[in-house]
Each structure stands twice: as C-alpha cells, then as structure tokens.
Amino acid sequence: MNLGDSVTGEASEVAKTYAALARQIAQYADPIKPPVALISGGECTVTVRGSGRGGRCTEFLLSLAVELAGARTSMRFACDTDGIDGSEDNAGAVLLPGSLARGARLGLDARKLLADNDAYGFSRRSMTLS
C-alpha cells in the first residue's frame, strides 16, 4: 500500500500514525486485507531534546517498534536515500522480530533512549543498521 512520497512531521508522531494504521489493518483488514507492505517516502524531522545519537530514520523506526510492541511479528525498515541518517555512519536500520526483546535482554530501555534521542544507541546493539 503506497502511502505517498511526501510524508512529513515529527518522526515519533509519524510512527504513532503508522502504528495505528498497522493495527487497523491487522485487526479489521481495513483499509486493506493483510498481508500488506506499507511503503512511503518523505522527510520526517526530530526535535532534539536529549544528548543521544541518531537520525530521523532510526528514531522513526524505534518509535514504531515501541508503538507496535506485542503486535504480530513483522519486519520493518527505514532508510535515508542520501546514505546518512542524521550524523551517524548509517543510512537507517532494520527492525527484526525480537529486536525490542533483544534490546531489553541487553539492558536497553527503548523509551528512555528515545527520550534522549538515542535511537542509534539502541539500534547499533539490537537492530541491524543499514
């Protein structure tokens, strides 16, 4: 399902919207019957309030993971087409089933890291950076 190529907004808020859509599809097969891939593009933003490391894509992805915690497993990825996500050495990340649980086993608190704008810190230890 193509959600367009001009998605904008705070990465964590866009993640909440995408999570709501994913839950709607999974629970009610509305507006489309699963299985489905949600595909979009655009330019999200991050208002930096913490001192962590990361970029728009990793913050979106970790926020989406937190919002969808406990949902059916799926694979999610986010990347920046210019090859760099924020100021780090990655273009984005891939979230695999079990990434949040793996992070928790490593002592990582996804919500705390998001509050510190440190999605990169979570991603480099428990998700796959791309």
N, C-alpha and C. Protein backbone atom coordinates (compact mmCIF):
# COMPACT_ATOMS: atom_id res chain seq x y z
N MET A 1 0.85 -1.15 0.00
CA MET A 1 0.00 0.00 0.00
C MET A 1 0.90 1.23 0.00
N ASN A 2 0.83 2.02 -1.03
CA ASN A 2 1.65 3.22 -1.17
C ASN A 2 1.00 4.37 -0.40
N LEU A 3 1.70 4.86 0.61
CA LEU A 3 1.19 5.95 1.43
C LEU A 3 1.70 7.32 0.96
N GLY A 4 2.34 7.34 -0.17
CA GLY A 4 2.80 8.60 -0.74
C GLY A 4 4.28 8.84 -0.51
N ASP A 5 4.77 9.88 -1.18
CA ASP A 5 6.19 10.18 -1.09
C ASP A 5 6.46 11.55 -0.46
N SER A 6 5.48 12.09 0.24
CA SER A 6 5.68 13.41 0.85
C SER A 6 5.29 13.42 2.32
N VAL A 7 5.58 12.32 3.02
CA VAL A 7 5.28 12.23 4.44
C VAL A 7 6.22 13.16 5.20
N THR A 8 5.64 14.00 6.05
CA THR A 8 6.42 14.92 6.87
C THR A 8 5.90 14.89 8.30
N GLY A 9 6.65 15.47 9.19
CA GLY A 9 6.24 15.56 10.59
C GLY A 9 7.31 15.01 11.51
N GLU A 10 7.08 15.16 12.79
CA GLU A 10 7.98 14.64 13.82
C GLU A 10 8.04 13.11 13.68
N ALA A 11 9.22 12.54 13.57
CA ALA A 11 9.39 11.11 13.31
C ALA A 11 8.61 10.25 14.30
N SER A 12 8.64 10.59 15.58
CA SER A 12 7.95 9.79 16.58
C SER A 12 6.43 9.89 16.44
N GLU A 13 5.93 11.02 16.00
CA GLU A 13 4.48 11.18 15.80
C GLU A 13 4.02 10.47 14.53
N VAL A 14 4.82 10.53 13.48
CA VAL A 14 4.51 9.80 12.25
C VAL A 14 4.46 8.30 12.56
N ALA A 15 5.38 7.84 13.41
CA ALA A 15 5.41 6.43 13.81
C ALA A 15 4.10 6.03 14.49
N LYS A 16 3.55 6.90 15.33
CA LYS A 16 2.27 6.61 16.01
C LYS A 16 1.16 6.45 14.99
N THR A 17 1.14 7.28 13.98
CA THR A 17 0.12 7.20 12.93
C THR A 17 0.26 5.90 12.15
N TYR A 18 1.49 5.55 11.78
CA TYR A 18 1.72 4.31 11.04
C TYR A 18 1.35 3.09 11.90
N ALA A 19 1.65 3.16 13.18
CA ALA A 19 1.31 2.05 14.07
C ALA A 19 -0.20 1.88 14.15
N ALA A 20 -0.92 2.98 14.24
CA ALA A 20 -2.39 2.90 14.28
C ALA A 20 -2.92 2.27 13.00
N LEU A 21 -2.37 2.65 11.87
CA LEU A 21 -2.80 2.06 10.60
C LEU A 21 -2.48 0.57 10.56
N ALA A 22 -1.30 0.20 11.00
CA ALA A 22 -0.92 -1.22 11.01
C ALA A 22 -1.85 -2.04 11.90
N ARG A 23 -2.20 -1.50 13.07
CA ARG A 23 -3.13 -2.21 13.96
C ARG A 23 -4.51 -2.32 13.33
N GLN A 24 -4.97 -1.28 12.66
CA GLN A 24 -6.28 -1.27 11.99
C GLN A 24 -6.32 -2.36 10.91
N ILE A 25 -5.25 -2.45 10.15
CA ILE A 25 -5.18 -3.46 9.09
C ILE A 25 -5.16 -4.85 9.70
N ALA A 26 -4.33 -5.06 10.71
CA ALA A 26 -4.20 -6.38 11.33
C ALA A 26 -5.50 -6.83 11.99
N GLN A 27 -6.18 -5.91 12.66
CA GLN A 27 -7.38 -6.28 13.41
C GLN A 27 -8.64 -6.35 12.56
N TYR A 28 -8.77 -5.43 11.61
CA TYR A 28 -10.04 -5.32 10.87
C TYR A 28 -9.91 -5.51 9.36
N ALA A 29 -8.70 -5.76 8.87
CA ALA A 29 -8.46 -5.87 7.42
C ALA A 29 -8.99 -4.63 6.71
N ASP A 30 -8.76 -3.47 7.31
CA ASP A 30 -9.26 -2.22 6.78
C ASP A 30 -8.16 -1.17 6.88
N PRO A 31 -7.81 -0.49 5.84
CA PRO A 31 -8.46 -0.37 4.54
C PRO A 31 -8.02 -1.40 3.52
N ILE A 32 -7.18 -2.34 3.92
CA ILE A 32 -6.71 -3.38 3.01
C ILE A 32 -6.50 -4.66 3.81
N LYS A 33 -6.69 -5.78 3.13
CA LYS A 33 -6.56 -7.07 3.80
C LYS A 33 -5.09 -7.50 3.84
N PRO A 34 -4.62 -7.97 5.00
CA PRO A 34 -3.24 -8.46 5.09
C PRO A 34 -3.08 -9.75 4.28
N PRO A 35 -1.89 -10.11 3.91
CA PRO A 35 -0.63 -9.43 4.20
C PRO A 35 -0.46 -8.20 3.31
N VAL A 36 0.24 -7.23 3.84
CA VAL A 36 0.43 -5.97 3.13
C VAL A 36 1.77 -5.36 3.52
N ALA A 37 2.36 -4.65 2.60
CA ALA A 37 3.55 -3.85 2.89
C ALA A 37 3.13 -2.39 2.81
N LEU A 38 3.40 -1.64 3.85
CA LEU A 38 3.14 -0.20 3.85
C LEU A 38 4.42 0.49 3.41
N ILE A 39 4.33 1.25 2.34
CA ILE A 39 5.51 1.87 1.74
C ILE A 39 5.26 3.37 1.63
N SER A 40 6.25 4.15 2.03
CA SER A 40 6.12 5.60 1.90
C SER A 40 7.49 6.24 1.83
N GLY A 41 7.49 7.50 1.53
CA GLY A 41 8.70 8.30 1.50
C GLY A 41 8.39 9.67 2.03
N GLY A 42 9.41 10.45 2.22
CA GLY A 42 9.22 11.81 2.71
C GLY A 42 10.39 12.25 3.54
N GLU A 43 10.15 13.23 4.37
CA GLU A 43 11.23 13.81 5.17
C GLU A 43 10.69 14.16 6.55
N CYS A 44 10.86 13.24 7.47
CA CYS A 44 10.44 13.49 8.85
C CYS A 44 11.49 14.36 9.54
N THR A 45 11.14 14.87 10.70
CA THR A 45 12.05 15.68 11.49
C THR A 45 12.17 15.09 12.89
N VAL A 46 13.20 15.50 13.60
CA VAL A 46 13.38 15.14 15.00
C VAL A 46 13.72 16.42 15.75
N THR A 47 12.92 16.72 16.75
CA THR A 47 13.24 17.83 17.64
C THR A 47 14.16 17.27 18.72
N VAL A 48 15.41 17.68 18.69
CA VAL A 48 16.40 17.14 19.61
C VAL A 48 16.23 17.78 20.99
N ARG A 49 15.94 16.92 21.95
CA ARG A 49 15.78 17.35 23.34
C ARG A 49 16.82 16.69 24.24
N GLY A 50 17.41 15.61 23.75
CA GLY A 50 18.38 14.87 24.54
C GLY A 50 19.78 15.03 24.00
N SER A 51 20.66 14.18 24.47
CA SER A 51 22.06 14.27 24.05
C SER A 51 22.51 13.00 23.33
N GLY A 52 21.56 12.16 22.95
CA GLY A 52 21.89 10.90 22.30
C GLY A 52 22.27 11.07 20.85
N ARG A 53 22.46 9.94 20.19
CA ARG A 53 22.85 9.91 18.79
C ARG A 53 21.75 9.23 17.99
N GLY A 54 21.62 9.64 16.77
CA GLY A 54 20.63 9.02 15.92
C GLY A 54 20.23 9.94 14.80
N GLY A 55 19.22 9.53 14.08
CA GLY A 55 18.71 10.31 12.97
C GLY A 55 17.22 10.09 12.85
N ARG A 56 16.66 10.70 11.83
CA ARG A 56 15.21 10.63 11.62
C ARG A 56 14.73 9.20 11.40
N CYS A 57 15.46 8.45 10.61
CA CYS A 57 15.01 7.09 10.28
C CYS A 57 15.06 6.16 11.49
N THR A 58 16.16 6.19 12.23
CA THR A 58 16.25 5.31 13.39
C THR A 58 15.27 5.73 14.48
N GLU A 59 15.03 7.02 14.63
CA GLU A 59 14.05 7.48 15.63
C GLU A 59 12.64 7.05 15.22
N PHE A 60 12.30 7.18 13.94
CA PHE A 60 11.00 6.72 13.44
C PHE A 60 10.85 5.22 13.71
N LEU A 61 11.85 4.47 13.36
CA LEU A 61 11.76 3.01 13.46
C LEU A 61 11.66 2.54 14.91
N LEU A 62 12.46 3.09 15.80
CA LEU A 62 12.38 2.69 17.19
C LEU A 62 11.05 3.13 17.81
N SER A 63 10.58 4.31 17.45
CA SER A 63 9.26 4.77 17.91
C SER A 63 8.16 3.84 17.42
N LEU A 64 8.25 3.40 16.17
CA LEU A 64 7.28 2.47 15.62
C LEU A 64 7.32 1.14 16.37
N ALA A 65 8.52 0.68 16.67
CA ALA A 65 8.67 -0.58 17.41
C ALA A 65 8.01 -0.49 18.78
N VAL A 66 8.23 0.62 19.47
CA VAL A 66 7.62 0.80 20.79
C VAL A 66 6.11 0.83 20.68
N GLU A 67 5.59 1.53 19.68
CA GLU A 67 4.14 1.62 19.48
C GLU A 67 3.52 0.27 19.14
N LEU A 68 4.25 -0.56 18.42
CA LEU A 68 3.72 -1.86 17.99
C LEU A 68 4.18 -3.02 18.87
N ALA A 69 4.77 -2.72 20.01
CA ALA A 69 5.23 -3.78 20.92
C ALA A 69 4.08 -4.72 21.22
N GLY A 70 4.33 -6.01 21.09
CA GLY A 70 3.30 -7.01 21.35
C GLY A 70 2.45 -7.35 20.14
N ALA A 71 2.60 -6.59 19.07
CA ALA A 71 1.83 -6.88 17.85
C ALA A 71 2.45 -8.07 17.13
N ARG A 72 1.70 -8.61 16.20
CA ARG A 72 2.24 -9.71 15.40
C ARG A 72 3.59 -9.33 14.84
N THR A 73 4.43 -10.31 14.71
CA THR A 73 5.78 -10.03 14.24
C THR A 73 5.77 -9.59 12.77
N SER A 74 6.65 -8.70 12.49
CA SER A 74 6.86 -8.24 11.13
C SER A 74 8.25 -7.64 11.05
N MET A 75 8.70 -7.42 9.84
CA MET A 75 9.98 -6.79 9.65
C MET A 75 9.72 -5.37 9.17
N ARG A 76 10.48 -4.43 9.70
CA ARG A 76 10.31 -3.03 9.34
C ARG A 76 11.67 -2.43 9.05
N PHE A 77 11.71 -1.51 8.10
CA PHE A 77 12.97 -0.83 7.88
C PHE A 77 12.71 0.62 7.49
N ALA A 78 13.68 1.44 7.75
CA ALA A 78 13.63 2.85 7.39
C ALA A 78 15.04 3.25 6.99
N CYS A 79 15.15 4.00 5.91
CA CYS A 79 16.47 4.43 5.47
C CYS A 79 16.38 5.77 4.76
N ASP A 80 17.50 6.42 4.69
CA ASP A 80 17.62 7.71 4.05
C ASP A 80 18.32 7.50 2.72
N THR A 81 17.77 8.04 1.67
CA THR A 81 18.32 7.76 0.34
C THR A 81 19.65 8.44 0.07
N ASP A 82 20.03 9.43 0.88
CA ASP A 82 21.33 10.05 0.64
C ASP A 82 22.47 9.30 1.34
N GLY A 83 22.12 8.21 2.05
CA GLY A 83 23.13 7.34 2.64
C GLY A 83 23.56 7.69 4.04
N ILE A 84 22.97 8.72 4.65
CA ILE A 84 23.35 9.07 6.02
C ILE A 84 22.09 9.47 6.79
N ASP A 85 21.93 8.89 7.95
CA ASP A 85 20.77 9.18 8.80
C ASP A 85 21.24 10.07 9.95
N GLY A 86 21.00 11.34 9.84
CA GLY A 86 21.48 12.26 10.86
C GLY A 86 22.98 12.44 10.75
N SER A 87 23.68 12.27 11.84
CA SER A 87 25.13 12.49 11.85
C SER A 87 25.92 11.20 12.01
N GLU A 88 25.24 10.07 11.93
CA GLU A 88 25.92 8.80 12.20
C GLU A 88 26.39 8.13 10.92
N ASP A 89 26.90 6.91 11.04
CA ASP A 89 27.51 6.21 9.92
C ASP A 89 26.55 5.25 9.21
N ASN A 90 25.27 5.43 9.42
CA ASN A 90 24.28 4.53 8.83
C ASN A 90 23.26 5.34 8.04
N ALA A 91 22.57 4.65 7.12
CA ALA A 91 21.50 5.28 6.36
C ALA A 91 20.15 4.99 6.98
N GLY A 92 20.09 4.11 7.94
CA GLY A 92 18.84 3.73 8.59
C GLY A 92 19.04 2.46 9.38
N ALA A 93 17.96 1.70 9.53
CA ALA A 93 18.04 0.47 10.32
C ALA A 93 16.95 -0.49 9.88
N VAL A 94 17.12 -1.74 10.27
CA VAL A 94 16.12 -2.79 10.03
C VAL A 94 15.71 -3.32 11.40
N LEU A 95 14.42 -3.37 11.63
CA LEU A 95 13.87 -3.90 12.87
C LEU A 95 13.33 -5.29 12.59
N LEU A 96 13.92 -6.27 13.23
CA LEU A 96 13.51 -7.65 13.05
C LEU A 96 12.60 -8.08 14.20
N PRO A 97 11.78 -9.10 13.98
CA PRO A 97 11.01 -9.63 15.11
C PRO A 97 11.98 -9.99 16.24
N GLY A 98 11.70 -9.53 17.42
CA GLY A 98 12.56 -9.83 18.55
C GLY A 98 13.58 -8.75 18.86
N SER A 99 13.68 -7.69 18.04
CA SER A 99 14.67 -6.64 18.30
C SER A 99 14.43 -5.95 19.63
N LEU A 100 13.18 -5.63 19.96
CA LEU A 100 12.89 -4.98 21.24
C LEU A 100 13.23 -5.90 22.41
N ALA A 101 12.87 -7.16 22.29
CA ALA A 101 13.17 -8.12 23.36
C ALA A 101 14.68 -8.30 23.50
N ARG A 102 15.39 -8.36 22.39
CA ARG A 102 16.84 -8.49 22.43
C ARG A 102 17.44 -7.27 23.12
N GLY A 103 16.95 -6.09 22.81
CA GLY A 103 17.41 -4.87 23.46
C GLY A 103 17.16 -4.90 24.96
N ALA A 104 15.97 -5.35 25.35
CA ALA A 104 15.64 -5.44 26.78
C ALA A 104 16.58 -6.41 27.49
N ARG A 105 16.88 -7.55 26.84
CA ARG A 105 17.82 -8.51 27.44
C ARG A 105 19.21 -7.91 27.62
N LEU A 106 19.54 -6.95 26.78
CA LEU A 106 20.84 -6.28 26.87
C LEU A 106 20.81 -5.10 27.84
N GLY A 107 19.65 -4.89 28.47
CA GLY A 107 19.51 -3.81 29.43
C GLY A 107 19.17 -2.47 28.81
N LEU A 108 18.73 -2.48 27.56
CA LEU A 108 18.37 -1.24 26.87
C LEU A 108 16.90 -0.92 27.09
N ASP A 109 16.61 0.30 27.46
CA ASP A 109 15.24 0.77 27.64
C ASP A 109 14.90 1.66 26.45
N ALA A 110 14.12 1.12 25.51
CA ALA A 110 13.82 1.83 24.27
C ALA A 110 13.18 3.19 24.53
N ARG A 111 12.26 3.26 25.47
CA ARG A 111 11.59 4.54 25.76
C ARG A 111 12.56 5.58 26.31
N LYS A 112 13.44 5.17 27.20
CA LYS A 112 14.43 6.10 27.76
C LYS A 112 15.38 6.59 26.67
N LEU A 113 15.80 5.67 25.83
CA LEU A 113 16.71 6.05 24.75
C LEU A 113 16.03 7.01 23.78
N LEU A 114 14.76 6.77 23.49
CA LEU A 114 14.03 7.70 22.63
C LEU A 114 13.92 9.08 23.28
N ALA A 115 13.67 9.12 24.58
CA ALA A 115 13.56 10.40 25.29
C ALA A 115 14.88 11.16 25.23
N ASP A 116 16.00 10.45 25.09
CA ASP A 116 17.32 11.07 24.99
C ASP A 116 17.75 11.23 23.53
N ASN A 117 16.83 10.97 22.60
CA ASN A 117 17.14 11.00 21.16
C ASN A 117 18.32 10.10 20.84
N ASP A 118 18.34 8.90 21.42
CA ASP A 118 19.44 7.97 21.20
C ASP A 118 18.96 6.67 20.56
N ALA A 119 18.21 6.79 19.48
CA ALA A 119 17.76 5.61 18.76
C ALA A 119 18.95 4.85 18.17
N TYR A 120 20.00 5.58 17.83
CA TYR A 120 21.21 4.92 17.31
C TYR A 120 21.81 4.00 18.36
N GLY A 121 21.83 4.44 19.62
CA GLY A 121 22.37 3.62 20.70
C GLY A 121 21.63 2.30 20.84
N PHE A 122 20.31 2.34 20.66
CA PHE A 122 19.53 1.10 20.70
C PHE A 122 19.81 0.29 19.44
N SER A 123 19.78 0.93 18.31
CA SER A 123 19.90 0.24 17.02
C SER A 123 21.23 -0.47 16.84
N ARG A 124 22.31 0.17 17.25
CA ARG A 124 23.62 -0.44 17.00
C ARG A 124 23.83 -1.69 17.84
N ARG A 125 23.05 -1.86 18.92
CA ARG A 125 23.22 -3.02 19.77
C ARG A 125 22.17 -4.10 19.55
N SER A 126 20.98 -3.75 19.04
CA SER A 126 19.92 -4.77 18.99
C SER A 126 19.19 -4.83 17.66
N MET A 127 19.42 -3.92 16.76
CA MET A 127 18.78 -3.97 15.44
C MET A 127 19.91 -4.02 14.41
N THR A 128 19.57 -4.06 13.16
CA THR A 128 20.55 -4.10 12.10
C THR A 128 20.61 -2.72 11.47
N LEU A 129 21.76 -2.09 11.52
CA LEU A 129 21.93 -0.80 10.87
C LEU A 129 22.20 -1.03 9.40
N SER A 130 21.70 -0.13 8.58
CA SER A 130 21.92 -0.27 7.14
C SER A 130 22.67 0.93 6.61
